[in-house]
C-alpha atoms as a PDB file:
ATOM      1  CA  UNK A   1      -4.968 -14.324 -22.042  1.00  0.00           C
ATOM      2  CA  UNK A   2      -2.516 -12.063 -20.251  1.00  0.00           C
ATOM      3  CA  UNK A   3      -4.388 -12.824 -16.598  1.00  0.00           C
ATOM      4  CA  UNK A   4      -4.174 -16.646 -17.240  1.00  0.00           C
ATOM      5  CA  UNK A   5      -0.129 -16.185 -18.033  1.00  0.00           C
ATOM      6  CA  UNK A   6      -0.199 -13.915 -14.954  1.00  0.00           C
ATOM      7  CA  UNK A   7      -2.061 -16.868 -13.122  1.00  0.00           C
ATOM      8  CA  UNK A   8       0.506 -19.320 -13.635  1.00  0.00           C
ATOM      9  CA  UNK A   9       3.178 -17.215 -12.812  1.00  0.00           C
ATOM     10  CA  UNK A  10       1.941 -17.131  -9.229  1.00  0.00           C
ATOM     11  CA  UNK A  11       1.456 -20.409  -9.242  1.00  0.00           C
ATOM     12  CA  UNK A  12       5.094 -21.267 -10.038  1.00  0.00           C
ATOM     13  CA  UNK A  13       5.911 -18.785  -7.974  1.00  0.00           C
ATOM     14  CA  UNK A  14       4.354 -21.042  -5.356  1.00  0.00           C
ATOM     15  CA  UNK A  15       6.029 -23.787  -6.162  1.00  0.00           C
ATOM     16  CA  UNK A  16       9.294 -22.588  -6.341  1.00  0.00           C
ATOM     17  CA  UNK A  17       9.016 -21.305  -2.759  1.00  0.00           C
ATOM     18  CA  UNK A  18       6.879 -24.168  -1.395  1.00  0.00           C
ATOM     19  CA  UNK A  19      10.289 -26.571  -2.889  1.00  0.00           C
ATOM     20  CA  UNK A  20      12.599 -23.707  -1.300  1.00  0.00           C
ATOM     21  CA  UNK A  21      10.311 -24.053   2.295  1.00  0.00           C
ATOM     22  CA  UNK A  22      10.308 -29.029   1.995  1.00  0.00           C
ATOM     23  CA  UNK A  23      14.301 -28.820   1.119  1.00  0.00           C
ATOM     24  CA  UNK A  24      14.449 -26.331   4.674  1.00  0.00           C
ATOM     25  CA  UNK A  25      12.552 -28.992   5.981  1.00  0.00           C
ATOM     26  CA  UNK A  26      14.597 -32.223   4.745  1.00  0.00           C
ATOM     27  CA  UNK A  27      17.786 -30.339   6.206  1.00  0.00           C
ATOM     28  CA  UNK A  28      15.843 -29.855   9.641  1.00  0.00           C
ATOM     29  CA  UNK A  29      14.694 -33.940   9.680  1.00  0.00           C
ATOM     30  CA  UNK A  30      18.404 -34.580   8.845  1.00  0.00           C
ATOM     31  CA  UNK A  31      19.566 -32.878  11.797  1.00  0.00           C
ATOM     32  CA  UNK A  32      16.914 -34.615  13.888  1.00  0.00           C
ATOM     33  CA  UNK A  33      17.636 -37.851  12.296  1.00  0.00           C
ATOM     34  CA  UNK A  34      21.357 -36.916  12.825  1.00  0.00           C
ATOM     35  CA  UNK A  35      20.820 -36.445  16.618  1.00  0.00           C
ATOM     36  CA  UNK A  36      18.330 -39.571  17.217  1.00  0.00           C
ATOM     37  CA  UNK A  37      20.591 -41.894  15.237  1.00  0.00           C
ATOM     38  CA  UNK A  38      23.602 -40.265  17.704  1.00  0.00           C
ATOM     39  CA  UNK A  39      21.244 -41.747  20.631  1.00  0.00           C
ATOM     40  CA  UNK A  40      20.587 -45.080  19.622  1.00  0.00           C
ATOM     41  CA  UNK A  41      24.498 -45.727  18.425  1.00  0.00           C
ATOM     42  CA  UNK A  42      25.746 -43.726  21.957  1.00  0.00           C
ATOM     43  CA  UNK A  43      23.405 -46.560  23.542  1.00  0.00           C
ATOM     44  CA  UNK A  44      23.545 -49.092  21.785  1.00  0.00           C
ATOM     45  CA  UNK A  45      19.917 -49.580  21.815  1.00  0.00           C
ATOM     46  CA  UNK A  46      19.869 -51.691  18.407  1.00  0.00           C
ATOM     47  CA  UNK A  47      20.692 -54.403  20.648  1.00  0.00           C
ATOM     48  CA  UNK A  48      17.660 -54.289  22.792  1.00  0.00           C
ATOM     49  CA  UNK A  49      15.717 -54.182  19.549  1.00  0.00           C
ATOM     50  CA  UNK A  50      17.522 -58.049  17.990  1.00  0.00           C
ATOM     51  CA  UNK A  51      20.176 -56.392  16.174  1.00  0.00           C
ATOM     52  CA  UNK A  52      23.447 -58.108  16.349  1.00  0.00           C
ATOM     53  CA  UNK A  53      25.031 -54.265  15.113  1.00  0.00           C
ATOM     54  CA  UNK A  54      24.788 -50.541  14.559  1.00  0.00           C
ATOM     55  CA  UNK A  55      25.565 -51.897  10.247  1.00  0.00           C
ATOM     56  CA  UNK A  56      22.281 -54.423  10.871  1.00  0.00           C
ATOM     57  CA  UNK A  57      20.463 -51.652  12.136  1.00  0.00           C
ATOM     58  CA  UNK A  58      20.901 -49.480   9.760  1.00  0.00           C
ATOM     59  CA  UNK A  59      20.700 -51.131   6.872  1.00  0.00           C
ATOM     60  CA  UNK A  60      17.421 -52.926   8.050  1.00  0.00           C
ATOM     61  CA  UNK A  61      15.660 -50.824  10.016  1.00  0.00           C
ATOM     62  CA  UNK A  62      16.071 -47.209   8.166  1.00  0.00           C
ATOM     63  CA  UNK A  63      16.734 -48.995   5.065  1.00  0.00           C
ATOM     64  CA  UNK A  64      20.061 -46.712   4.099  1.00  0.00           C
ATOM     65  CA  UNK A  65      23.980 -47.445   4.206  1.00  0.00           C
ATOM     66  CA  UNK A  66      25.844 -47.561   6.743  1.00  0.00           C
ATOM     67  CA  UNK A  67      28.037 -44.883   5.451  1.00  0.00           C
ATOM     68  CA  UNK A  68      25.059 -42.041   5.656  1.00  0.00           C
ATOM     69  CA  UNK A  69      24.350 -43.653   9.374  1.00  0.00           C
ATOM     70  CA  UNK A  70      28.272 -42.795  10.107  1.00  0.00           C
ATOM     71  CA  UNK A  71      27.905 -39.571   8.644  1.00  0.00           C
ATOM     72  CA  UNK A  72      25.066 -37.989  10.673  1.00  0.00           C
ATOM     73  CA  UNK A  73      26.526 -40.023  13.932  1.00  0.00           C
ATOM     74  CA  UNK A  74      29.947 -37.846  13.383  1.00  0.00           C
ATOM     75  CA  UNK A  75      27.974 -34.675  12.780  1.00  0.00           C
ATOM     76  CA  UNK A  76      26.058 -34.920  15.710  1.00  0.00           C
ATOM     77  CA  UNK A  77      29.198 -36.171  17.764  1.00  0.00           C
ATOM     78  CA  UNK A  78      30.900 -32.929  16.512  1.00  0.00           C
ATOM     79  CA  UNK A  79      28.356 -30.257  16.014  1.00  0.00           C
ATOM     80  CA  UNK A  80      25.965 -31.674  19.082  1.00  0.00           C
ATOM     81  CA  UNK A  81      28.142 -30.568  22.284  1.00  0.00           C
ATOM     82  CA  UNK A  82      28.880 -26.752  20.163  1.00  0.00           C
ATOM     83  CA  UNK A  83      26.914 -23.775  21.821  1.00  0.00           C
ATOM     84  CA  UNK A  84      23.190 -23.339  20.071  1.00  0.00           C
ATOM     85  CA  UNK A  85      24.048 -20.414  17.622  1.00  0.00           C
ATOM     86  CA  UNK A  86      26.893 -22.501  15.426  1.00  0.00           C
ATOM     87  CA  UNK A  87      24.126 -25.482  16.023  1.00  0.00           C
ATOM     88  CA  UNK A  88      21.861 -23.344  14.109  1.00  0.00           C
ATOM     89  CA  UNK A  89      23.966 -22.259  11.324  1.00  0.00           C
ATOM     90  CA  UNK A  90      25.364 -26.250  10.840  1.00  0.00           C
ATOM     91  CA  UNK A  91      21.375 -27.274  10.660  1.00  0.00           C
ATOM     92  CA  UNK A  92      20.889 -24.505   7.957  1.00  0.00           C
ATOM     93  CA  UNK A  93      23.308 -25.642   5.694  1.00  0.00           C
ATOM     94  CA  UNK A  94      22.584 -29.002   5.448  1.00  0.00           C
ATOM     95  CA  UNK A  95      23.850 -32.591   6.197  1.00  0.00           C
ATOM     96  CA  UNK A  96      25.836 -32.624   3.073  1.00  0.00           C
ATOM     97  CA  UNK A  97      27.889 -30.085   3.724  1.00  0.00           C
ATOM     98  CA  UNK A  98      27.875 -31.047   7.347  1.00  0.00           C
ATOM     99  CA  UNK A  99      29.565 -33.850   7.030  1.00  0.00           C
ATOM    100  CA  UNK A 100      32.958 -32.586   5.491  1.00  0.00           C
ATOM    101  CA  UNK A 101      33.162 -29.506   8.358  1.00  0.00           C
ATOM    102  CA  UNK A 102      33.344 -32.749  10.830  1.00  0.00           C
ATOM    103  CA  UNK A 103      36.583 -31.369  12.489  1.00  0.00           C
ATOM    104  CA  UNK A 104      37.201 -28.309  10.625  1.00  0.00           C
ATOM    105  CA  UNK A 105      35.014 -26.092  12.249  1.00  0.00           C
ATOM    106  CA  UNK A 106      35.374 -25.220  16.622  1.00  0.00           C
ATOM    107  CA  UNK A 107      33.556 -23.059  18.602  1.00  0.00           C
ATOM    108  CA  UNK A 108      36.524 -20.538  18.649  1.00  0.00           C
ATOM    109  CA  UNK A 109      36.765 -20.266  14.279  1.00  0.00           C
ATOM    110  CA  UNK A 110      32.739 -21.176  13.418  1.00  0.00           C
ATOM    111  CA  UNK A 111      32.598 -17.094  13.284  1.00  0.00           C
ATOM    112  CA  UNK A 112      35.396 -16.912  10.635  1.00  0.00           C
ATOM    113  CA  UNK A 113      34.147 -20.123   8.776  1.00  0.00           C
ATOM    114  CA  UNK A 114      30.450 -18.788   8.500  1.00  0.00           C
ATOM    115  CA  UNK A 115      31.719 -15.742   6.757  1.00  0.00           C
ATOM    116  CA  UNK A 116      34.358 -17.937   4.102  1.00  0.00           C
ATOM    117  CA  UNK A 117      31.103 -20.004   3.499  1.00  0.00           C
ATOM    118  CA  UNK A 118      28.218 -17.902   3.062  1.00  0.00           C
ATOM    119  CA  UNK A 119      26.167 -18.410   0.463  1.00  0.00           C
ATOM    120  CA  UNK A 120      28.457 -21.392  -1.218  1.00  0.00           C
ATOM    121  CA  UNK A 121      27.186 -24.188  -2.617  1.00  0.00           C
ATOM    122  CA  UNK A 122      28.266 -28.308  -2.117  1.00  0.00           C
ATOM    123  CA  UNK A 123      31.643 -27.681  -4.702  1.00  0.00           C
ATOM    124  CA  UNK A 124      32.731 -24.511  -3.556  1.00  0.00           C
ATOM    125  CA  UNK A 125      32.321 -25.278   0.136  1.00  0.00           C
ATOM    126  CA  UNK A 126      34.843 -28.300  -0.957  1.00  0.00           C
ATOM    127  CA  UNK A 127      36.727 -25.637  -3.254  1.00  0.00           C
ATOM    128  CA  UNK A 128      37.386 -23.781  -0.047  1.00  0.00           C
ATOM    129  CA  UNK A 129      38.438 -26.369   2.205  1.00  0.00           C
ATOM    130  CA  UNK A 130      40.559 -28.120  -0.149  1.00  0.00           C
ATOM    131  CA  UNK A 131      42.499 -24.618  -0.750  1.00  0.00           C
ATOM    132  CA  UNK A 132      42.955 -24.388   2.988  1.00  0.00           C
ATOM    133  CA  UNK A 133      43.991 -27.270   3.722  1.00  0.00           C
ATOM    134  CA  UNK A 134      46.609 -26.619   1.005  1.00  0.00           C
ATOM    135  CA  UNK A 135      47.609 -23.466   3.383  1.00  0.00           C
ATOM    136  CA  UNK A 136      45.294 -21.356   2.235  1.00  0.00           C
ATOM    137  CA  UNK A 137      43.767 -19.173   5.306  1.00  0.00           C
ATOM    138  CA  UNK A 138      45.275 -19.944   8.047  1.00  0.00           C
ATOM    139  CA  UNK A 139      48.535 -21.067   6.470  1.00  0.00           C
ATOM    140  CA  UNK A 140      49.075 -24.434   8.246  1.00  0.00           C
ATOM    141  CA  UNK A 141      50.101 -26.244   5.413  1.00  0.00           C
ATOM    142  CA  UNK A 142      53.418 -27.856   7.370  1.00  0.00           C
ATOM    143  CA  UNK A 143      50.918 -29.113   9.898  1.00  0.00           C
ATOM    144  CA  UNK A 144      51.808 -33.204   8.876  1.00  0.00           C
ATOM    145  CA  UNK A 145      54.025 -33.777  11.943  1.00  0.00           C
ATOM    146  CA  UNK A 146      57.383 -33.245   9.751  1.00  0.00           C
ATOM    147  CA  UNK A 147      58.657 -30.095  10.246  1.00  0.00           C
ATOM    148  CA  UNK A 148      56.750 -28.469   7.164  1.00  0.00           C
ATOM    149  CA  UNK A 149      57.316 -29.407   3.919  1.00  0.00           C
ATOM    150  CA  UNK A 150      56.982 -27.995   1.156  1.00  0.00           C
ATOM    151  CA  UNK A 151      54.031 -28.512  -1.267  1.00  0.00           C
ATOM    152  CA  UNK A 152      56.588 -29.881  -4.114  1.00  0.00           C
ATOM    153  CA  UNK A 153      57.727 -32.567  -1.291  1.00  0.00           C
ATOM    154  CA  UNK A 154      54.060 -34.330  -0.259  1.00  0.00           C
ATOM    155  CA  UNK A 155      53.289 -37.218  -2.288  1.00  0.00           C
ATOM    156  CA  UNK A 156      50.756 -37.409  -4.449  1.00  0.00           C
ATOM    157  CA  UNK A 157      47.904 -40.240  -4.861  1.00  0.00           C
ATOM    158  CA  UNK A 158      48.008 -41.301  -8.444  1.00  0.00           C
ATOM    159  CA  UNK A 159      45.416 -44.307  -9.910  1.00  0.00           C
ATOM    160  CA  UNK A 160      46.022 -46.476 -12.283  1.00  0.00           C
ATOM    161  CA  UNK A 161      45.343 -49.873 -13.852  1.00  0.00           C
ATOM    162  CA  UNK A 162      47.558 -52.740 -14.206  1.00  0.00           C
ATOM    163  CA  UNK A 163      46.693 -56.140 -16.733  1.00  0.00           C
ATOM    164  CA  UNK A 164      46.947 -59.210 -14.347  1.00  0.00           C
ATOM    165  CA  UNK A 165      50.260 -61.162 -14.399  1.00  0.00           C
END
């Protein structure tokens, strides 16, 4: 009986490792996909293939939502020009995190952000970004162009529903 239990643990361990390996492969493939979609978008290749618009190409040929295609194009547009070490880090991070870092990470601040985000989940990454936006790390809370206002003076979005008149 003990021998069977040990075999199951090994098999479960192999399954666990296989899942982790496949997850890494998916992220690698998403990076490659973003590079390919970026080329298609930038060169309007989809028109030569008979599609009237990039949206039509994405929805009919690729069978996914336009928003994902836009994220993938933006990721490659932003990070694709950066040095290989930054690209490698972003690639390993995955596209769902990378899309949130477009416009935030630069070659100059990549090392600092890499330390900040090491081992963070998507939710934790979003929390770090939110705290940084509100003046956390760099103290740039007043970049709104109005000379720098206090957080108390910034407008807050409120959502609510109303009955028809």
